């Protein structure tokens, strides 16, 4: 072919070259949930999603019997029974079995309380805490103390509170055997055992401590 013919036809345009390439069609979402209309690329994901609507919980823990809709949630739950708490707070030393639990806990140290109750003005660092608190005002799903009339959002809070009306101290420190009425005061006390005495002044008897986390 002569140079004149080459110049006449010229190089093929980029558009025509792209047209010759095999088309890569995006996978279409054909699996739609008939309950909420949400689309899924894979049918297996749709089936997994539909468990939300049916309430089915086919995966159960063989240690406590608690059941879950998804297998990965069951595996996350089973870490609790292992006793392994690999995630610790560098502020107070409290340990957690899951990273997400640690992240939620760290918010309590930030001092940021972005969620407030529009009824009493009390502020909270987490949304779920604010929503749980609102039940106190609505009196829905709350637990009532028949000794003083105080309301609580969980049964465990009520049970811990009931010890304030008795002399019973069921929570014991495993290091010094001191007892407490609530788990909150026990945890607060246990922080004493995580610090080391560095120096004691011979004049004023004041001790300087450093925390070992």
N, C-alpha and C. Protein backbone atom coordinates (compact mmCIF):
# COMPACT_ATOMS: atom_id res chain seq x y z
N UNK A 1 0.86 -1.20 0.00
CA UNK A 1 0.00 0.00 0.00
C UNK A 1 0.89 1.24 0.00
N UNK A 2 0.55 2.19 -0.86
CA UNK A 2 1.37 3.39 -0.99
C UNK A 2 1.14 4.32 0.18
N UNK A 3 2.07 5.29 0.33
CA UNK A 3 1.94 6.26 1.41
C UNK A 3 0.72 7.13 1.21
N UNK A 4 0.33 7.32 -0.08
CA UNK A 4 -0.86 8.13 -0.37
C UNK A 4 -2.11 7.46 0.14
N UNK A 5 -2.16 6.13 -0.05
CA UNK A 5 -3.32 5.38 0.42
C UNK A 5 -3.39 5.37 1.95
N UNK A 6 -2.22 5.28 2.60
CA UNK A 6 -2.19 5.30 4.07
C UNK A 6 -2.72 6.62 4.60
N UNK A 7 -2.27 7.72 3.91
CA UNK A 7 -2.71 9.04 4.36
C UNK A 7 -4.19 9.23 4.11
N UNK A 8 -4.68 8.61 3.03
CA UNK A 8 -6.09 8.76 2.68
C UNK A 8 -6.99 8.15 3.74
N UNK A 9 -6.66 6.93 4.13
CA UNK A 9 -7.49 6.26 5.14
C UNK A 9 -7.17 6.76 6.55
N UNK A 10 -5.87 7.02 6.76
CA UNK A 10 -5.45 7.54 8.07
C UNK A 10 -5.61 6.51 9.17
N UNK A 11 -5.09 6.82 10.35
CA UNK A 11 -5.24 5.89 11.49
C UNK A 11 -6.69 5.80 11.91
N UNK A 12 -7.10 4.66 12.35
CA UNK A 12 -8.49 4.47 12.77
C UNK A 12 -8.77 5.30 14.02
N UNK A 13 -9.94 5.85 14.06
CA UNK A 13 -10.30 6.70 15.21
C UNK A 13 -10.36 5.87 16.49
N UNK A 14 -10.17 6.55 17.62
CA UNK A 14 -10.19 5.87 18.91
C UNK A 14 -11.56 5.27 19.19
N UNK A 15 -12.62 5.96 18.74
CA UNK A 15 -13.97 5.46 18.97
C UNK A 15 -14.21 4.14 18.27
N UNK A 16 -13.70 4.03 17.00
CA UNK A 16 -13.90 2.78 16.26
C UNK A 16 -13.09 1.65 16.87
N UNK A 17 -11.91 1.99 17.42
CA UNK A 17 -11.11 0.96 18.07
C UNK A 17 -11.79 0.46 19.34
N UNK A 18 -12.39 1.37 20.08
CA UNK A 18 -13.10 0.98 21.30
C UNK A 18 -14.31 0.12 20.97
N UNK A 19 -14.92 0.39 19.80
CA UNK A 19 -16.12 -0.37 19.41
C UNK A 19 -15.80 -1.83 19.16
N UNK A 20 -14.55 -2.11 18.72
CA UNK A 20 -14.16 -3.49 18.44
C UNK A 20 -13.86 -4.29 19.70
N UNK A 21 -13.63 -3.59 20.83
CA UNK A 21 -13.31 -4.30 22.06
C UNK A 21 -14.54 -5.01 22.60
N UNK A 22 -14.35 -6.17 23.21
CA UNK A 22 -15.52 -6.88 23.76
C UNK A 22 -16.16 -6.07 24.87
N UNK A 23 -17.47 -6.02 24.87
CA UNK A 23 -18.20 -5.24 25.87
C UNK A 23 -18.21 -5.97 27.20
N UNK A 24 -17.95 -5.21 28.25
CA UNK A 24 -18.03 -5.77 29.60
C UNK A 24 -19.26 -5.19 30.28
N UNK A 25 -20.31 -5.91 30.21
CA UNK A 25 -21.56 -5.44 30.79
C UNK A 25 -21.54 -5.61 32.30
N UNK A 26 -22.00 -4.58 32.97
CA UNK A 26 -22.08 -4.66 34.42
C UNK A 26 -23.15 -5.66 34.82
N UNK A 27 -22.85 -6.38 35.89
CA UNK A 27 -23.81 -7.36 36.37
C UNK A 27 -25.06 -6.65 36.89
N UNK A 28 -26.19 -7.02 36.38
CA UNK A 28 -27.43 -6.37 36.77
C UNK A 28 -27.98 -6.98 38.05
N UNK A 29 -28.61 -6.14 38.85
CA UNK A 29 -29.23 -6.61 40.08
C UNK A 29 -30.62 -7.15 39.75
N UNK A 30 -30.74 -8.45 39.72
CA UNK A 30 -32.00 -9.07 39.33
C UNK A 30 -32.73 -9.71 40.50
N UNK A 31 -32.08 -9.74 41.66
CA UNK A 31 -32.68 -10.40 42.82
C UNK A 31 -33.27 -9.34 43.75
N UNK A 32 -34.57 -9.26 43.76
CA UNK A 32 -35.26 -8.22 44.52
C UNK A 32 -36.05 -8.83 45.67
N UNK A 33 -35.94 -8.20 46.83
CA UNK A 33 -36.70 -8.65 48.00
C UNK A 33 -38.15 -8.23 47.84
N UNK A 34 -39.07 -9.18 47.95
CA UNK A 34 -40.48 -8.87 47.76
C UNK A 34 -41.11 -8.21 48.99
N UNK A 35 -40.32 -8.06 50.05
CA UNK A 35 -40.83 -7.43 51.27
C UNK A 35 -40.52 -5.93 51.31
N UNK A 36 -39.27 -5.60 50.95
CA UNK A 36 -38.86 -4.19 51.06
C UNK A 36 -38.37 -3.60 49.75
N UNK A 37 -38.26 -4.43 48.71
CA UNK A 37 -37.86 -3.93 47.40
C UNK A 37 -36.37 -3.74 47.20
N UNK A 38 -35.55 -4.15 48.16
CA UNK A 38 -34.11 -3.99 48.04
C UNK A 38 -33.56 -4.98 47.02
N UNK A 39 -32.60 -4.51 46.19
CA UNK A 39 -32.02 -5.36 45.14
C UNK A 39 -30.68 -5.92 45.57
N UNK A 40 -30.39 -7.12 45.07
CA UNK A 40 -29.13 -7.79 45.37
C UNK A 40 -28.55 -8.39 44.10
N UNK A 41 -27.23 -8.36 44.00
CA UNK A 41 -26.56 -8.93 42.84
C UNK A 41 -26.60 -10.45 42.89
N UNK A 42 -26.42 -11.00 44.06
CA UNK A 42 -26.36 -12.45 44.22
C UNK A 42 -27.60 -12.96 44.94
N UNK A 43 -28.07 -14.11 44.49
CA UNK A 43 -29.27 -14.70 45.08
C UNK A 43 -29.03 -15.13 46.53
N UNK A 44 -27.80 -15.59 46.81
CA UNK A 44 -27.48 -16.02 48.18
C UNK A 44 -27.56 -14.85 49.16
N UNK A 45 -27.19 -13.65 48.67
CA UNK A 45 -27.28 -12.46 49.52
C UNK A 45 -28.73 -12.09 49.79
N UNK A 46 -29.58 -12.30 48.79
CA UNK A 46 -31.01 -12.04 48.96
C UNK A 46 -31.59 -12.97 50.02
N UNK A 47 -31.24 -14.25 49.95
CA UNK A 47 -31.75 -15.22 50.92
C UNK A 47 -31.28 -14.87 52.33
N UNK A 48 -30.04 -14.43 52.42
CA UNK A 48 -29.50 -14.03 53.72
C UNK A 48 -30.25 -12.82 54.26
N UNK A 49 -30.54 -11.88 53.38
CA UNK A 49 -31.26 -10.67 53.77
C UNK A 49 -32.68 -10.97 54.23
N UNK A 50 -33.35 -11.91 53.57
CA UNK A 50 -34.75 -12.21 53.86
C UNK A 50 -34.96 -12.77 55.26
N UNK A 51 -33.90 -13.24 55.89
CA UNK A 51 -34.01 -13.72 57.27
C UNK A 51 -34.43 -12.60 58.22
N UNK A 52 -34.12 -11.35 57.82
CA UNK A 52 -34.52 -10.20 58.64
C UNK A 52 -36.04 -10.13 58.73
N UNK A 53 -36.70 -10.39 57.61
CA UNK A 53 -38.16 -10.28 57.56
C UNK A 53 -38.86 -11.50 58.17
N UNK A 54 -38.25 -12.66 58.03
CA UNK A 54 -38.90 -13.87 58.55
C UNK A 54 -38.67 -14.07 60.04
N UNK A 55 -37.60 -13.44 60.56
CA UNK A 55 -37.27 -13.62 61.97
C UNK A 55 -36.57 -14.93 62.25
N UNK A 56 -36.25 -15.67 61.20
CA UNK A 56 -35.59 -16.97 61.37
C UNK A 56 -34.16 -16.79 61.86
N UNK A 57 -33.76 -17.62 62.83
CA UNK A 57 -32.41 -17.57 63.39
C UNK A 57 -31.84 -18.99 63.40
N UNK A 58 -31.31 -19.43 62.26
CA UNK A 58 -30.88 -20.82 62.14
C UNK A 58 -29.55 -21.15 62.79
N UNK A 59 -28.79 -20.13 63.21
CA UNK A 59 -27.47 -20.38 63.78
C UNK A 59 -27.51 -20.13 65.29
N UNK A 60 -27.32 -21.19 66.07
CA UNK A 60 -27.42 -21.06 67.52
C UNK A 60 -26.09 -21.39 68.20
N UNK A 61 -25.86 -20.74 69.32
CA UNK A 61 -24.64 -20.95 70.10
C UNK A 61 -24.82 -22.20 70.95
N UNK A 62 -23.87 -23.14 70.86
CA UNK A 62 -23.99 -24.39 71.60
C UNK A 62 -23.60 -24.25 73.07
N UNK A 63 -23.20 -23.03 73.47
CA UNK A 63 -22.83 -22.80 74.86
C UNK A 63 -23.94 -22.12 75.67
N UNK A 64 -24.63 -21.18 75.04
CA UNK A 64 -25.68 -20.47 75.77
C UNK A 64 -27.05 -20.58 75.11
N UNK A 65 -27.10 -21.14 73.90
CA UNK A 65 -28.37 -21.33 73.23
C UNK A 65 -28.89 -20.12 72.48
N UNK A 66 -28.20 -19.00 72.55
CA UNK A 66 -28.65 -17.81 71.84
C UNK A 66 -28.53 -18.04 70.33
N UNK A 67 -29.54 -17.59 69.58
CA UNK A 67 -29.56 -17.85 68.14
C UNK A 67 -29.41 -16.57 67.34
N UNK A 68 -28.93 -16.73 66.10
CA UNK A 68 -28.63 -15.59 65.23
C UNK A 68 -29.07 -15.89 63.80
N UNK A 69 -29.30 -14.82 63.06
CA UNK A 69 -29.73 -14.96 61.67
C UNK A 69 -28.55 -15.27 60.75
N UNK A 70 -27.36 -14.82 61.11
CA UNK A 70 -26.19 -14.99 60.25
C UNK A 70 -25.07 -15.69 60.99
N UNK A 71 -24.33 -16.49 60.24
CA UNK A 71 -23.25 -17.29 60.81
C UNK A 71 -22.11 -16.42 61.31
N UNK A 72 -21.80 -15.34 60.59
CA UNK A 72 -20.69 -14.48 61.01
C UNK A 72 -20.99 -13.78 62.33
N UNK A 73 -22.27 -13.47 62.57
CA UNK A 73 -22.66 -12.85 63.84
C UNK A 73 -22.51 -13.87 64.98
N UNK A 74 -22.83 -15.13 64.70
CA UNK A 74 -22.65 -16.19 65.69
C UNK A 74 -21.17 -16.31 66.07
N UNK A 75 -20.29 -16.29 65.08
CA UNK A 75 -18.85 -16.41 65.36
C UNK A 75 -18.36 -15.24 66.21
N UNK A 76 -18.87 -14.05 65.90
CA UNK A 76 -18.49 -12.88 66.70
C UNK A 76 -18.97 -13.03 68.14
N UNK A 77 -20.18 -13.56 68.30
CA UNK A 77 -20.75 -13.77 69.64
C UNK A 77 -19.94 -14.78 70.44
N UNK A 78 -19.47 -15.85 69.80
CA UNK A 78 -18.77 -16.92 70.51
C UNK A 78 -17.45 -16.48 71.12
N UNK A 79 -16.92 -15.36 70.67
CA UNK A 79 -15.69 -14.83 71.27
C UNK A 79 -15.92 -14.49 72.73
N UNK A 80 -17.17 -14.11 73.07
CA UNK A 80 -17.50 -13.76 74.45
C UNK A 80 -17.24 -14.94 75.38
N UNK A 81 -17.59 -16.15 74.93
CA UNK A 81 -17.43 -17.34 75.76
C UNK A 81 -15.97 -17.78 75.88
N UNK A 82 -15.14 -17.37 74.95
CA UNK A 82 -13.73 -17.77 75.00
C UNK A 82 -12.98 -17.09 76.13
N UNK A 83 -13.52 -15.96 76.60
CA UNK A 83 -12.86 -15.23 77.68
C UNK A 83 -11.72 -14.35 77.20
N UNK A 84 -11.43 -14.40 75.91
CA UNK A 84 -10.34 -13.60 75.35
C UNK A 84 -10.81 -12.17 75.14
N UNK A 85 -10.10 -11.23 75.74
CA UNK A 85 -10.42 -9.81 75.58
C UNK A 85 -9.17 -9.11 75.07
N UNK A 86 -9.02 -9.14 73.76
CA UNK A 86 -7.79 -8.66 73.13
C UNK A 86 -7.76 -7.15 72.93
N UNK A 87 -8.89 -6.48 73.14
CA UNK A 87 -8.96 -5.05 72.88
C UNK A 87 -9.11 -4.30 74.21
N UNK A 88 -8.09 -3.54 74.58
CA UNK A 88 -8.12 -2.84 75.86
C UNK A 88 -8.07 -1.34 75.67
N UNK A 89 -8.71 -0.64 76.59
CA UNK A 89 -8.77 0.82 76.55
C UNK A 89 -7.50 1.39 77.18
N UNK A 90 -6.82 2.27 76.46
CA UNK A 90 -5.59 2.86 76.99
C UNK A 90 -5.87 4.00 77.97
N UNK A 91 -7.16 4.28 78.20
CA UNK A 91 -7.52 5.33 79.15
C UNK A 91 -7.78 4.77 80.55
N UNK A 92 -8.49 3.65 80.61
CA UNK A 92 -8.86 3.10 81.92
C UNK A 92 -8.45 1.64 82.10
N UNK A 93 -7.96 1.01 81.04
CA UNK A 93 -7.52 -0.37 81.16
C UNK A 93 -8.60 -1.41 80.98
N UNK A 94 -9.83 -1.00 80.79
CA UNK A 94 -10.92 -1.96 80.61
C UNK A 94 -10.74 -2.70 79.29
N UNK A 95 -10.97 -4.01 79.31
CA UNK A 95 -10.74 -4.83 78.12
C UNK A 95 -12.05 -5.32 77.52
N UNK A 96 -12.02 -5.56 76.21
CA UNK A 96 -13.21 -5.98 75.48
C UNK A 96 -12.85 -7.12 74.53
N UNK A 97 -13.85 -7.94 74.23
CA UNK A 97 -13.63 -9.07 73.34
C UNK A 97 -13.77 -8.69 71.88
N UNK A 98 -14.38 -7.52 71.61
CA UNK A 98 -14.58 -7.09 70.23
C UNK A 98 -14.09 -5.66 70.03
N UNK A 99 -13.56 -5.40 68.85
CA UNK A 99 -13.06 -4.07 68.53
C UNK A 99 -14.18 -3.04 68.53
N UNK A 100 -15.36 -3.43 68.03
CA UNK A 100 -16.49 -2.50 67.98
C UNK A 100 -16.92 -2.07 69.39
N UNK A 101 -16.82 -2.99 70.35
CA UNK A 101 -17.17 -2.66 71.74
C UNK A 101 -16.18 -1.64 72.31
N UNK A 102 -14.91 -1.81 71.97
CA UNK A 102 -13.90 -0.86 72.43
C UNK A 102 -14.15 0.52 71.84
N UNK A 103 -14.48 0.57 70.55
CA UNK A 103 -14.73 1.86 69.90
C UNK A 103 -15.91 2.59 70.54
N UNK A 104 -16.96 1.84 70.87
CA UNK A 104 -18.11 2.46 71.53
C UNK A 104 -17.72 2.97 72.92
N UNK A 105 -16.88 2.20 73.60
CA UNK A 105 -16.45 2.59 74.95
C UNK A 105 -15.59 3.85 74.92
N UNK A 106 -14.72 3.99 73.92
CA UNK A 106 -13.81 5.13 73.85
C UNK A 106 -14.55 6.46 73.76
N UNK A 107 -15.77 6.42 73.25
CA UNK A 107 -16.56 7.65 73.15
C UNK A 107 -16.83 8.22 74.54
N UNK A 108 -16.92 7.35 75.55
CA UNK A 108 -17.21 7.82 76.90
C UNK A 108 -16.06 8.64 77.47
N UNK A 109 -14.84 8.43 76.96
CA UNK A 109 -13.69 9.20 77.43
C UNK A 109 -13.50 10.50 76.66
N UNK A 110 -14.13 10.61 75.52
CA UNK A 110 -13.94 11.80 74.68
C UNK A 110 -14.60 13.04 75.26
N UNK A 111 -15.61 12.82 76.12
CA UNK A 111 -16.33 13.96 76.69
C UNK A 111 -17.35 14.55 75.74
N UNK A 112 -17.43 13.99 74.54
CA UNK A 112 -18.38 14.49 73.55
C UNK A 112 -19.75 13.84 73.76
N UNK A 113 -20.72 14.63 74.15
CA UNK A 113 -22.08 14.13 74.38
C UNK A 113 -23.02 14.86 73.43
N UNK A 114 -23.11 14.31 72.23
CA UNK A 114 -23.84 14.99 71.15
C UNK A 114 -25.34 14.72 71.18
N UNK A 115 -25.77 13.74 71.98
CA UNK A 115 -27.19 13.37 71.98
C UNK A 115 -27.84 13.81 73.29
N UNK A 116 -28.87 14.61 73.18
CA UNK A 116 -29.51 15.14 74.39
C UNK A 116 -30.99 14.76 74.42
N UNK A 117 -31.50 14.64 75.63
CA UNK A 117 -32.92 14.35 75.83
C UNK A 117 -33.69 15.67 75.77
N UNK A 118 -34.68 15.75 74.88
CA UNK A 118 -35.43 17.00 74.74
C UNK A 118 -36.48 17.19 75.83
N UNK A 119 -36.53 16.23 76.77
CA UNK A 119 -37.49 16.35 77.87
C UNK A 119 -36.82 16.87 79.14
N UNK A 120 -35.67 16.29 79.48
CA UNK A 120 -34.99 16.71 80.71
C UNK A 120 -33.64 17.36 80.46
N UNK A 121 -33.16 17.31 79.22
CA UNK A 121 -31.90 17.97 78.89
C UNK A 121 -30.65 17.15 79.15
N UNK A 122 -30.80 15.94 79.67
CA UNK A 122 -29.64 15.10 79.94
C UNK A 122 -28.95 14.73 78.63
N UNK A 123 -27.62 14.73 78.63
CA UNK A 123 -26.88 14.46 77.40
C UNK A 123 -26.18 13.10 77.47
N UNK A 124 -25.94 12.54 76.28
CA UNK A 124 -25.35 11.21 76.17
C UNK A 124 -24.32 11.19 75.05
N UNK A 125 -23.33 10.33 75.21
CA UNK A 125 -22.27 10.21 74.20
C UNK A 125 -22.67 9.27 73.07
N UNK A 126 -23.69 8.44 73.30
CA UNK A 126 -24.11 7.48 72.28
C UNK A 126 -25.61 7.57 72.07
N UNK A 127 -26.03 7.37 70.82
CA UNK A 127 -27.44 7.49 70.46
C UNK A 127 -28.29 6.46 71.17
N UNK A 128 -27.80 5.21 71.24
CA UNK A 128 -28.60 4.16 71.87
C UNK A 128 -28.82 4.45 73.35
N UNK A 129 -27.86 5.11 74.00
CA UNK A 129 -28.03 5.46 75.41
C UNK A 129 -29.15 6.49 75.58
N UNK A 130 -29.20 7.46 74.66
CA UNK A 130 -30.26 8.46 74.71
C UNK A 130 -31.63 7.82 74.48
N UNK A 131 -31.70 6.93 73.48
CA UNK A 131 -32.97 6.27 73.17
C UNK A 131 -33.44 5.39 74.32
N UNK A 132 -32.50 4.72 74.97
CA UNK A 132 -32.85 3.89 76.13
C UNK A 132 -33.36 4.77 77.27
N UNK A 133 -32.71 5.90 77.46
CA UNK A 133 -33.10 6.84 78.52
C UNK A 133 -34.52 7.36 78.31
N UNK A 134 -34.93 7.57 77.07
CA UNK A 134 -36.26 8.11 76.78
C UNK A 134 -37.38 7.24 77.32
N UNK A 135 -37.09 5.95 77.49
CA UNK A 135 -38.11 5.05 78.03
C UNK A 135 -38.47 5.40 79.47
N UNK A 136 -37.55 6.06 80.17
CA UNK A 136 -37.84 6.49 81.54
C UNK A 136 -39.00 7.48 81.54
N UNK A 137 -39.01 8.37 80.56
CA UNK A 137 -40.06 9.39 80.49
C UNK A 137 -41.38 8.81 79.97
N UNK A 138 -41.29 7.86 79.05
CA UNK A 138 -42.51 7.29 78.48
C UNK A 138 -43.08 6.17 79.35
N UNK A 139 -42.26 5.68 80.30
CA UNK A 139 -42.65 4.57 81.18
C UNK A 139 -42.94 3.29 80.39
N UNK A 140 -42.32 3.15 79.23
CA UNK A 140 -42.50 1.96 78.40
C UNK A 140 -41.33 1.01 78.60
N UNK A 141 -41.66 -0.25 78.87
CA UNK A 141 -40.64 -1.29 79.05
C UNK A 141 -39.60 -0.90 80.10
N UNK A 142 -40.07 -0.40 81.23
CA UNK A 142 -39.16 -0.01 82.30
C UNK A 142 -39.38 -0.91 83.52
N UNK A 143 -38.40 -0.89 84.42
CA UNK A 143 -38.44 -1.70 85.63
C UNK A 143 -38.52 -0.77 86.84
N UNK A 144 -39.47 -1.05 87.71
CA UNK A 144 -39.79 -0.14 88.80
C UNK A 144 -39.39 -0.73 90.15
N UNK A 145 -38.72 0.08 90.97
CA UNK A 145 -38.34 -0.34 92.31
C UNK A 145 -39.51 -0.08 93.26
N UNK A 146 -39.99 -1.13 93.91
CA UNK A 146 -41.14 -0.97 94.81
C UNK A 146 -40.73 -0.44 96.18
N UNK A 147 -39.42 -0.17 96.36
CA UNK A 147 -38.95 0.38 97.62
C UNK A 147 -38.91 1.91 97.60
N UNK A 148 -38.43 2.46 96.48
CA UNK A 148 -38.29 3.91 96.41
C UNK A 148 -38.98 4.53 95.20
N UNK A 149 -39.52 3.70 94.32
CA UNK A 149 -40.25 4.21 93.17
C UNK A 149 -39.39 4.63 91.99
N UNK A 150 -38.10 4.34 92.04
CA UNK A 150 -37.21 4.73 90.95
C UNK A 150 -37.37 3.77 89.77
N UNK A 151 -37.24 4.32 88.55
CA UNK A 151 -37.39 3.52 87.34
C UNK A 151 -36.04 3.21 86.71
N UNK A 152 -35.95 2.04 86.05
CA UNK A 152 -34.73 1.63 85.37
C UNK A 152 -35.08 1.04 84.00
N UNK A 153 -34.15 1.16 83.07
CA UNK A 153 -34.42 0.69 81.71
C UNK A 153 -34.09 -0.78 81.50
N UNK A 154 -33.33 -1.38 82.39
CA UNK A 154 -33.00 -2.80 82.27
C UNK A 154 -33.21 -3.50 83.61
N UNK A 155 -33.47 -4.79 83.54
CA UNK A 155 -33.68 -5.57 84.76
C UNK A 155 -32.40 -5.65 85.58
N UNK A 156 -31.24 -5.73 84.90
CA UNK A 156 -29.97 -5.82 85.63
C UNK A 156 -29.71 -4.55 86.44
N UNK A 157 -30.11 -3.40 85.91
CA UNK A 157 -29.95 -2.15 86.65
C UNK A 157 -30.82 -2.15 87.91
N UNK A 158 -32.03 -2.66 87.76
CA UNK A 158 -32.93 -2.73 88.91
C UNK A 158 -32.37 -3.67 89.98
N UNK A 159 -31.87 -4.84 89.55
CA UNK A 159 -31.33 -5.80 90.51
C UNK A 159 -30.13 -5.22 91.26
N UNK A 160 -29.26 -4.50 90.55
CA UNK A 160 -28.12 -3.87 91.21
C UNK A 160 -28.58 -2.79 92.18
N UNK A 161 -29.61 -2.05 91.77
CA UNK A 161 -30.14 -0.99 92.62
C UNK A 161 -30.74 -1.53 93.90
N UNK A 162 -31.38 -2.69 93.83
CA UNK A 162 -32.06 -3.25 95.00
C UNK A 162 -31.11 -3.49 96.16
N UNK A 163 -29.82 -3.70 95.86
CA UNK A 163 -28.85 -3.92 96.93
C UNK A 163 -28.62 -2.66 97.76
N UNK A 164 -28.99 -1.49 97.21
CA UNK A 164 -28.82 -0.26 97.98
C UNK A 164 -29.82 -0.20 99.13
N UNK A 165 -30.86 -1.01 99.06
CA UNK A 165 -31.86 -1.04 100.13
C UNK A 165 -31.55 -2.13 101.16
N UNK A 166 -30.48 -2.87 100.95
CA UNK A 166 -30.10 -3.93 101.88
C UNK A 166 -28.63 -3.74 102.27
N UNK A 167 -28.16 -4.58 103.14
CA UNK A 167 -26.76 -4.55 103.54
C UNK A 167 -25.92 -5.54 102.74
N UNK A 168 -26.54 -6.20 101.79
CA UNK A 168 -25.84 -7.21 101.00
C UNK A 168 -24.85 -6.57 100.03
N UNK A 169 -23.66 -7.17 99.94
CA UNK A 169 -22.61 -6.70 99.03
C UNK A 169 -22.11 -7.90 98.23
N UNK A 170 -22.79 -8.23 97.14
CA UNK A 170 -22.48 -9.48 96.42
C UNK A 170 -21.28 -9.41 95.48
N UNK A 171 -20.75 -8.22 95.23
CA UNK A 171 -19.65 -8.09 94.27
C UNK A 171 -18.33 -7.93 95.02
N UNK A 172 -17.47 -8.95 94.86
CA UNK A 172 -16.23 -9.00 95.63
C UNK A 172 -15.00 -8.87 94.74
N UNK A 173 -14.04 -8.11 95.20
CA UNK A 173 -12.77 -7.96 94.49
C UNK A 173 -11.94 -9.22 94.71
N UNK A 174 -11.45 -9.81 93.63
CA UNK A 174 -10.69 -11.06 93.74
C UNK A 174 -9.23 -10.83 94.15
N UNK A 175 -8.85 -9.56 94.36
CA UNK A 175 -7.48 -9.27 94.76
C UNK A 175 -7.37 -8.92 96.25
N UNK A 176 -8.37 -8.21 96.77
CA UNK A 176 -8.30 -7.83 98.19
C UNK A 176 -9.53 -8.26 98.98
N UNK A 177 -10.49 -8.89 98.29
CA UNK A 177 -11.71 -9.43 98.91
C UNK A 177 -12.65 -8.36 99.45
N UNK A 178 -12.44 -7.11 99.09
CA UNK A 178 -13.37 -6.06 99.49
C UNK A 178 -14.66 -6.22 98.70
N UNK A 179 -15.79 -5.96 99.33
CA UNK A 179 -17.08 -6.19 98.68
C UNK A 179 -17.81 -4.88 98.39
N UNK A 180 -18.70 -4.95 97.38
CA UNK A 180 -19.43 -3.77 96.93
C UNK A 180 -20.87 -4.14 96.59
N UNK A 181 -21.72 -3.13 96.58
CA UNK A 181 -23.13 -3.36 96.30
C UNK A 181 -23.44 -3.42 94.81
N UNK A 182 -22.65 -2.75 94.00
CA UNK A 182 -22.90 -2.71 92.56
C UNK A 182 -21.62 -3.03 91.79
N UNK A 183 -21.74 -3.58 90.57
CA UNK A 183 -20.56 -3.86 89.75
C UNK A 183 -19.83 -2.59 89.33
N UNK A 184 -20.56 -1.47 89.26
CA UNK A 184 -19.93 -0.20 88.90
C UNK A 184 -18.87 0.20 89.92
N UNK A 185 -19.20 0.10 91.20
CA UNK A 185 -18.25 0.47 92.25
C UNK A 185 -17.11 -0.55 92.36
N UNK A 186 -17.40 -1.80 92.03
CA UNK A 186 -16.34 -2.81 92.03
C UNK A 186 -15.31 -2.49 90.95
N UNK A 187 -15.78 -2.17 89.73
CA UNK A 187 -14.85 -1.84 88.65
C UNK A 187 -14.04 -0.59 88.97
N UNK A 188 -14.69 0.38 89.59
CA UNK A 188 -14.00 1.60 89.97
C UNK A 188 -12.91 1.31 91.00
N UNK A 189 -13.23 0.43 91.95
CA UNK A 189 -12.26 0.04 92.97
C UNK A 189 -11.07 -0.71 92.37
N UNK A 190 -11.33 -1.58 91.41
CA UNK A 190 -10.27 -2.42 90.84
C UNK A 190 -9.19 -1.62 90.13
N UNK A 191 -9.49 -0.38 89.77
CA UNK A 191 -8.47 0.46 89.16
C UNK A 191 -7.33 0.76 90.13
N UNK A 192 -7.62 0.66 91.43
CA UNK A 192 -6.58 0.88 92.44
C UNK A 192 -5.46 -0.14 92.29
N UNK A 193 -5.84 -1.37 91.92
CA UNK A 193 -4.85 -2.45 91.82
C UNK A 193 -4.02 -2.38 90.54
N UNK A 194 -4.39 -1.51 89.62
CA UNK A 194 -3.64 -1.40 88.37
C UNK A 194 -2.59 -0.29 88.41
N UNK A 195 -2.42 0.35 89.56
CA UNK A 195 -1.43 1.42 89.64
C UNK A 195 -0.32 1.06 90.63
N UNK A 196 0.84 1.63 90.44
CA UNK A 196 2.02 1.30 91.22
C UNK A 196 2.51 2.53 91.98
N UNK A 197 2.80 2.35 93.27
CA UNK A 197 3.28 3.46 94.08
C UNK A 197 4.75 3.73 93.75
N UNK A 198 5.05 4.99 93.40
CA UNK A 198 6.41 5.36 93.03
C UNK A 198 7.16 6.05 94.17
N UNK A 199 6.48 6.95 94.84
CA UNK A 199 7.19 7.76 95.82
C UNK A 199 6.26 8.20 96.94
N UNK A 200 6.74 8.14 98.16
CA UNK A 200 5.97 8.58 99.31
C UNK A 200 6.76 9.65 100.06
N UNK A 201 6.14 10.82 100.21
CA UNK A 201 6.80 11.94 100.88
C UNK A 201 6.86 11.69 102.39
N UNK A 202 8.04 11.85 102.99
CA UNK A 202 8.20 11.59 104.42
C UNK A 202 7.65 12.71 105.29
N UNK A 203 7.28 13.84 104.66
CA UNK A 203 6.77 14.97 105.42
C UNK A 203 5.24 15.03 105.42
N UNK A 204 4.65 14.80 104.25
CA UNK A 204 3.19 14.95 104.17
C UNK A 204 2.46 13.64 103.90
N UNK A 205 3.22 12.54 103.76
CA UNK A 205 2.64 11.22 103.54
C UNK A 205 1.85 11.11 102.23
N UNK A 206 2.05 12.04 101.31
CA UNK A 206 1.36 12.00 100.03
C UNK A 206 2.12 11.08 99.08
N UNK A 207 1.39 10.22 98.38
CA UNK A 207 2.01 9.28 97.46
C UNK A 207 1.75 9.71 96.01
N UNK A 208 2.73 9.48 95.17
CA UNK A 208 2.59 9.74 93.74
C UNK A 208 2.43 8.40 93.05
N UNK A 209 1.43 8.29 92.19
CA UNK A 209 1.14 7.03 91.51
C UNK A 209 1.31 7.17 90.00
N UNK A 210 1.64 6.06 89.39
CA UNK A 210 1.61 5.99 87.93
C UNK A 210 0.76 4.78 87.56
N UNK A 211 -0.12 4.95 86.57
CA UNK A 211 -1.00 3.86 86.17
C UNK A 211 -0.30 2.92 85.20
N UNK A 212 -0.45 1.64 85.43
CA UNK A 212 0.06 0.61 84.53
C UNK A 212 -1.13 0.03 83.79
N UNK A 213 -1.24 0.27 82.49
CA UNK A 213 -2.39 -0.18 81.70
C UNK A 213 -2.04 -1.44 80.94
